[in-house]
């Protein structure tokens, strides 16, 4: 898988300009998990200091040449803007929905890039300059709704996922990462290309450079008078008054069941899809996460995702790392 392609400094620079909006990143494990056989993503750290590593030009070169596989975050917390939107679809007949979205995006004179994937595809919309994540999500969600394309997380078990998956993130937060384009998927042991260009890194980057990028003026015209629909979990949070001392704002208690979708009872637990596994394209069986029925504050991923990873995947990160280990608790 390595050595077949060489990434020139110019190609690395183009990739950074097109896709890298912040220097935080994830790394896909080279070896499969012994229990699940899956290649999970993790935040790489310095072995000596434990500090999180920053994405460098050399990291991108290694990614493009197949030595490593990185995951990219969409939103910069300092601006709440993103350089791209990725529409991920991996359900039955997903490619039909992606092609439908692609066609109507072209009608708006938006030129998306369709990338192959293991079970469906990713449709990437590139920006002329970073645009507000919330505005980008409104545009794609509205288009999908008008075309009858299902959106995952809006009461449906299957549907497209829109990256970035959040309208905004706080300081020190990351949102959800997605596999960087043109990198090798370790589980599939292959590289997934964009349709429309030869299967070389140089040709693919040249193709992406030629695509017309979405401008802020165009985006504002597309979303004028439109808003994002309120999710079911947001409605539940709004319906529950926060209890606390008068005059003090109390943050709503985190409820894992508000973030995992459909679950089923197995013994003393609810079982469902682990959000952290799903973020990396895993847990297709939807049974990695166990939640104690008697007290849903206790939950555990059998594939090894930590409580911090699960909370980060649903956009509710834990700011202070717990000293506890083992069973996940709120």
Protein backbone atom coordinates (compact mmCIF):
# COMPACT_ATOMS: atom_id res chain seq x y z
CA UNK A 1 0.00 0.00 0.00
CA UNK A 2 2.97 2.35 0.49
CA UNK A 3 5.49 3.58 -2.05
CA UNK A 4 3.11 3.51 -5.04
CA UNK A 5 2.65 7.29 -5.07
CA UNK A 6 4.92 10.16 -4.16
CA UNK A 7 3.45 13.41 -2.86
CA UNK A 8 5.39 16.47 -3.99
CA UNK A 9 5.60 19.56 -1.74
CA UNK A 10 3.20 21.29 -4.16
CA UNK A 11 0.61 18.51 -3.79
CA UNK A 12 0.96 18.61 0.00
CA UNK A 13 0.45 22.39 -0.04
CA UNK A 14 -2.67 22.02 -2.19
CA UNK A 15 -4.08 19.34 0.12
CA UNK A 16 -3.52 21.56 3.16
CA UNK A 17 -5.24 24.46 1.43
CA UNK A 18 -8.23 22.36 0.35
CA UNK A 19 -8.88 20.22 3.41
CA UNK A 20 -7.00 21.27 6.55
CA UNK A 21 -8.83 23.86 8.62
CA UNK A 22 -7.12 23.16 11.94
CA UNK A 23 -4.06 21.25 13.08
CA UNK A 24 -5.81 18.78 15.38
CA UNK A 25 -6.29 15.35 13.81
CA UNK A 26 -6.90 11.67 14.44
CA UNK A 27 -4.93 8.66 13.27
CA UNK A 28 -6.32 5.30 12.14
CA UNK A 29 -4.70 2.36 13.90
CA UNK A 30 -2.42 0.24 11.72
CA UNK A 31 -3.39 -2.94 13.53
CA UNK A 32 -6.97 -4.14 13.99
CA UNK A 33 -8.47 -4.30 17.47
CA UNK A 34 -7.99 -7.86 18.74
CA UNK A 35 -11.61 -8.21 19.83
CA UNK A 36 -13.47 -6.53 16.96
CA UNK A 37 -10.95 -6.73 14.11
CA UNK A 38 -11.58 -3.05 13.34
CA UNK A 39 -9.11 -0.22 12.82
CA UNK A 40 -10.12 2.53 15.21
CA UNK A 41 -9.13 6.20 15.18
CA UNK A 42 -7.34 7.91 18.07
CA UNK A 43 -5.78 11.28 18.89
CA UNK A 44 -2.00 10.84 18.53
CA UNK A 45 0.17 12.17 21.35
CA UNK A 46 3.85 12.77 21.99
CA UNK A 47 5.28 9.68 23.67
CA UNK A 48 7.42 11.73 26.05
CA UNK A 49 5.11 14.56 27.06
CA UNK A 50 1.67 13.12 26.33
CA UNK A 51 0.72 16.33 24.51
CA UNK A 52 -1.51 16.03 21.44
CA UNK A 53 0.39 16.15 18.17
CA UNK A 54 -0.35 18.82 15.56
CA UNK A 55 -0.85 18.11 11.89
CA UNK A 56 2.28 18.94 9.88
CA UNK A 57 3.22 18.94 6.22
CA UNK A 58 5.08 15.69 6.82
CA UNK A 59 1.91 14.13 8.28
CA UNK A 60 0.01 14.93 5.10
CA UNK A 61 2.82 13.54 2.94
CA UNK A 62 2.70 10.27 4.86
CA UNK A 63 -1.09 10.18 4.53
CA UNK A 64 -1.01 10.71 0.75
CA UNK A 65 1.76 8.15 0.27
CA UNK A 66 -0.12 5.54 2.30
CA UNK A 67 2.18 5.32 5.31
CA UNK A 68 -0.53 6.50 7.73
CA UNK A 69 -4.23 7.42 7.54
CA UNK A 70 -5.47 10.60 9.20
CA UNK A 71 -8.91 11.85 10.16
CA UNK A 72 -9.67 15.56 9.70
CA UNK A 73 -11.84 17.89 11.79
CA UNK A 74 -14.05 20.31 9.91
CA UNK A 75 -14.63 23.24 12.28
CA UNK A 76 -12.10 25.73 13.60
CA UNK A 77 -13.32 26.65 17.12
CA UNK A 78 -11.84 30.15 16.81
CA UNK A 79 -14.06 31.04 13.83
CA UNK A 80 -16.79 28.32 13.75
CA UNK A 81 -16.01 28.03 10.02
CA UNK A 82 -15.13 25.11 7.78
CA UNK A 83 -13.35 24.68 4.44
CA UNK A 84 -15.57 21.83 3.30
CA UNK A 85 -18.73 19.87 3.88
CA UNK A 86 -18.67 16.09 3.47
CA UNK A 87 -21.89 14.14 2.95
CA UNK A 88 -21.32 10.56 4.08
CA UNK A 89 -23.73 7.84 2.89
CA UNK A 90 -23.22 4.12 3.47
CA UNK A 91 -26.69 2.57 3.57
CA UNK A 92 -28.69 0.61 1.00
CA UNK A 93 -29.13 2.64 -2.21
CA UNK A 94 -26.89 5.35 -0.74
CA UNK A 95 -25.16 6.01 -4.04
CA UNK A 96 -28.49 6.88 -5.68
CA UNK A 97 -29.06 9.56 -3.04
CA UNK A 98 -25.54 10.93 -3.45
CA UNK A 99 -25.96 11.15 -7.21
CA UNK A 100 -29.27 12.93 -6.72
CA UNK A 101 -27.64 15.44 -4.38
CA UNK A 102 -24.73 15.85 -6.77
CA UNK A 103 -27.05 16.60 -9.70
CA UNK A 104 -29.01 19.28 -7.83
CA UNK A 105 -25.85 20.82 -6.43
CA UNK A 106 -24.66 21.20 -10.00
CA UNK A 107 -27.94 23.00 -10.77
CA UNK A 108 -26.91 25.52 -8.09
CA UNK A 109 -23.55 25.81 -9.88
CA UNK A 110 -21.90 24.08 -6.92
CA UNK A 111 -19.38 21.49 -8.09
CA UNK A 112 -19.09 18.69 -5.50
CA UNK A 113 -16.52 15.89 -5.66
CA UNK A 114 -17.81 12.32 -5.30
CA UNK A 115 -15.45 10.01 -3.48
CA UNK A 116 -15.78 6.25 -3.37
CA UNK A 117 -16.05 4.53 0.01
CA UNK A 118 -16.23 1.02 1.35
CA UNK A 119 -20.04 0.83 1.41
CA UNK A 120 -21.25 3.94 -0.38
CA UNK A 121 -19.57 7.27 -0.95
CA UNK A 122 -18.66 10.73 0.31
CA UNK A 123 -19.77 13.88 -1.48
CA UNK A 124 -17.44 16.81 -0.76
CA UNK A 125 -18.35 20.47 -1.21
CA UNK A 126 -15.28 22.74 -1.19
CA UNK A 127 -15.40 26.40 -0.15
CA UNK A 128 -13.71 29.41 -1.74
CA UNK A 129 -12.83 30.43 1.81
CA UNK A 130 -13.95 29.03 5.19
CA UNK A 131 -17.68 29.52 5.74
CA UNK A 132 -19.81 29.28 8.89
CA UNK A 133 -20.47 25.64 9.72
CA UNK A 134 -24.06 26.36 10.70
CA UNK A 135 -24.82 28.00 7.34
CA UNK A 136 -23.25 25.10 5.43
CA UNK A 137 -25.31 22.58 7.38
CA UNK A 138 -28.52 24.53 6.76
CA UNK A 139 -27.86 24.45 3.01
CA UNK A 140 -27.18 20.72 2.78
CA UNK A 141 -29.95 19.75 5.19
CA UNK A 142 -32.49 21.87 3.30
CA UNK A 143 -31.45 20.39 -0.03
CA UNK A 144 -31.69 16.83 1.31
CA UNK A 145 -35.13 17.53 2.78
CA UNK A 146 -36.43 18.95 -0.51
CA UNK A 147 -35.13 15.93 -2.43
CA UNK A 148 -36.46 13.38 0.05
CA UNK A 149 -32.97 12.19 0.97
CA UNK A 150 -32.95 10.79 4.54
CA UNK A 151 -30.73 12.52 7.10
CA UNK A 152 -29.38 10.38 9.91
CA UNK A 153 -30.05 11.73 13.37
CA UNK A 154 -33.40 13.30 12.48
CA UNK A 155 -35.38 10.32 13.76
CA UNK A 156 -34.02 7.90 11.15
CA UNK A 157 -31.67 4.97 11.73
CA UNK A 158 -30.17 5.27 8.24
CA UNK A 159 -29.45 8.31 6.12
CA UNK A 160 -26.74 10.69 5.10
CA UNK A 161 -24.43 12.16 7.73
CA UNK A 162 -23.34 15.76 7.28
CA UNK A 163 -19.81 16.73 8.31
CA UNK A 164 -19.39 18.98 10.19
CA UNK A 165 -21.96 17.38 12.44
CA UNK A 166 -22.28 20.44 14.68
CA UNK A 167 -23.30 24.03 14.04
CA UNK A 168 -20.56 25.27 16.36
CA UNK A 169 -18.09 23.92 18.92
CA UNK A 170 -16.58 25.39 22.07
CA UNK A 171 -12.98 26.17 22.92
CA UNK A 172 -11.00 22.97 23.35
CA UNK A 173 -13.63 20.93 21.50
CA UNK A 174 -13.17 19.05 18.25
CA UNK A 175 -16.47 17.85 16.82
CA UNK A 176 -16.31 14.76 14.62
CA UNK A 177 -13.42 13.73 12.41
CA UNK A 178 -13.75 12.03 9.03
CA UNK A 179 -11.12 10.06 7.13
CA UNK A 180 -9.01 12.44 5.09
CA UNK A 181 -9.58 12.04 1.33
CA UNK A 182 -7.07 10.02 -0.71
CA UNK A 183 -5.81 8.15 2.34
CA UNK A 184 -5.78 4.37 2.61
CA UNK A 185 -8.67 2.86 4.55
CA UNK A 186 -6.90 0.34 6.77
CA UNK A 187 -9.95 -1.88 7.16
CA UNK A 188 -10.48 -2.13 3.41
CA UNK A 189 -6.71 -2.13 2.66
CA UNK A 190 -7.23 0.22 -0.26
CA UNK A 191 -7.36 3.85 -1.31
CA UNK A 192 -10.70 5.35 -2.34
CA UNK A 193 -10.52 7.80 -5.25
CA UNK A 194 -12.67 10.67 -6.47
CA UNK A 195 -14.67 10.00 -9.61
CA UNK A 196 -13.71 12.26 -12.52
CA UNK A 197 -9.92 11.99 -12.50
CA UNK A 198 -7.18 9.44 -13.07
CA UNK A 199 -6.21 7.29 -10.13
CA UNK A 200 -3.01 9.11 -9.19
CA UNK A 201 -2.54 11.57 -6.36
CA UNK A 202 -1.35 14.32 -8.73
CA UNK A 203 -4.35 13.92 -11.05
CA UNK A 204 -6.80 13.81 -8.15
CA UNK A 205 -5.46 17.00 -6.57
CA UNK A 206 -5.45 18.76 -9.96
CA UNK A 207 -9.11 17.74 -10.41
CA UNK A 208 -10.04 19.10 -6.97
CA UNK A 209 -8.24 22.37 -7.73
CA UNK A 210 -10.29 22.81 -10.93
CA UNK A 211 -13.65 22.44 -9.21
CA UNK A 212 -15.61 25.65 -8.69
CA UNK A 213 -15.68 26.50 -4.99
CA UNK A 214 -18.77 27.68 -3.09
CA UNK A 215 -18.66 31.39 -2.17
CA UNK A 216 -20.11 33.06 0.91
CA UNK A 217 -22.39 35.25 -1.21
CA UNK A 218 -23.85 32.19 -2.94
CA UNK A 219 -24.34 30.33 0.32
CA UNK A 220 -26.18 33.24 1.91
CA UNK A 221 -28.51 33.42 -1.08
CA UNK A 222 -29.21 29.67 -0.87
CA UNK A 223 -30.15 29.74 2.84
CA UNK A 224 -31.98 33.08 3.05
CA UNK A 225 -34.89 32.68 5.48
CA UNK A 226 -34.02 29.06 6.34
CA UNK A 227 -32.97 27.47 9.62
CA UNK A 228 -31.78 24.10 10.86
CA UNK A 229 -34.59 21.93 12.28
CA UNK A 230 -34.46 21.29 16.02
CA UNK A 231 -33.35 17.73 16.83
CA UNK A 232 -35.28 15.38 19.09
CA UNK A 233 -32.59 15.56 21.79
CA UNK A 234 -32.69 19.39 21.72
CA UNK A 235 -36.48 19.31 22.09
CA UNK A 236 -36.17 16.99 25.10
CA UNK A 237 -33.57 19.27 26.68
CA UNK A 238 -35.76 22.32 26.18
CA UNK A 239 -38.73 20.56 27.74
CA UNK A 240 -36.79 19.73 30.94
CA UNK A 241 -36.30 22.75 33.20
CA UNK A 242 -32.84 22.93 34.74
CA UNK A 243 -32.90 22.75 38.55
CA UNK A 244 -30.51 24.76 40.68
CA UNK A 245 -30.08 27.86 42.78
CA UNK A 246 -32.05 30.95 41.79
CA UNK A 247 -30.18 33.15 39.34
CA UNK A 248 -27.67 30.45 38.48
CA UNK A 249 -27.59 28.80 35.07
CA UNK A 250 -27.42 25.04 35.39
CA UNK A 251 -26.22 22.94 32.51
CA UNK A 252 -28.70 20.15 31.60
CA UNK A 253 -27.62 16.73 32.84
CA UNK A 254 -26.04 14.64 30.12
CA UNK A 255 -28.20 11.69 29.06
CA UNK A 256 -26.48 9.14 26.82
CA UNK A 257 -29.84 7.79 25.64
CA UNK A 258 -30.51 11.16 23.98
CA UNK A 259 -27.56 10.60 21.66
CA UNK A 260 -27.52 6.97 20.57
CA UNK A 261 -30.70 6.54 18.56
CA UNK A 262 -32.41 3.16 18.51
CA UNK A 263 -31.52 0.69 21.28
CA UNK A 264 -32.74 -2.76 22.28
CA UNK A 265 -32.84 -4.61 25.60
CA UNK A 266 -30.32 -7.40 26.17
CA UNK A 267 -30.36 -8.71 29.73
CA UNK A 268 -29.77 -5.84 32.14
CA UNK A 269 -28.57 -3.46 29.42
CA UNK A 270 -29.75 -1.39 26.53
CA UNK A 271 -27.56 -2.15 23.51
CA UNK A 272 -26.99 0.25 20.64
CA UNK A 273 -24.47 1.78 18.28
CA UNK A 274 -21.43 3.41 19.90
CA UNK A 275 -21.19 7.03 18.67
CA UNK A 276 -17.39 6.95 18.80
CA UNK A 277 -17.22 3.74 16.76
CA UNK A 278 -19.78 5.10 14.30
CA UNK A 279 -17.71 8.28 13.87
CA UNK A 280 -14.95 6.09 12.47
CA UNK A 281 -17.32 4.12 10.24
CA UNK A 282 -17.54 1.12 12.54
CA UNK A 283 -20.13 -0.74 14.65
CA UNK A 284 -22.27 -1.70 11.68
CA UNK A 285 -24.11 -4.18 13.89
CA UNK A 286 -25.11 -1.39 16.26
CA UNK A 287 -24.26 -3.37 19.38
CA UNK A 288 -20.94 -2.06 20.72
CA UNK A 289 -22.46 0.20 23.37
CA UNK A 290 -24.04 -1.24 26.53
CA UNK A 291 -26.12 1.08 28.77
CA UNK A 292 -27.29 -0.09 32.18
CA UNK A 293 -31.11 -0.10 32.18
CA UNK A 294 -31.36 0.46 35.92
CA UNK A 295 -29.09 3.51 35.77
CA UNK A 296 -28.33 4.84 32.24
CA UNK A 297 -25.54 7.01 33.64
CA UNK A 298 -23.41 3.88 33.37
CA UNK A 299 -22.39 2.87 29.84
CA UNK A 300 -19.52 1.05 28.18
CA UNK A 301 -18.21 0.41 24.67
CA UNK A 302 -17.15 -3.20 24.24
CA UNK A 303 -14.78 -2.20 21.42
CA UNK A 304 -12.71 -0.12 23.83
CA UNK A 305 -13.87 3.47 23.24
CA UNK A 306 -13.41 5.55 26.39
CA UNK A 307 -16.05 7.69 28.02
CA UNK A 308 -14.20 10.78 26.77
CA UNK A 309 -14.26 9.48 23.20
CA UNK A 310 -17.99 8.74 23.34
CA UNK A 311 -18.86 12.15 24.79
CA UNK A 312 -16.68 13.92 22.21
CA UNK A 313 -18.35 11.96 19.39
CA UNK A 314 -21.80 13.29 20.35
CA UNK A 315 -20.57 16.86 20.75
CA UNK A 316 -20.72 16.83 24.56
CA UNK A 317 -17.04 16.57 25.54
CA UNK A 318 -15.89 16.13 29.12
CA UNK A 319 -13.69 19.08 30.00
CA UNK A 320 -12.08 17.48 33.04
CA UNK A 321 -10.80 13.94 32.62
CA UNK A 322 -12.22 11.57 35.19
CA UNK A 323 -9.84 9.44 37.24
CA UNK A 324 -12.20 6.53 37.02
CA UNK A 325 -11.54 3.61 34.71
CA UNK A 326 -13.61 0.71 33.50
CA UNK A 327 -17.37 1.22 33.20
CA UNK A 328 -18.30 4.56 31.65
CA UNK A 329 -20.24 6.95 33.85
CA UNK A 330 -21.64 10.40 33.10
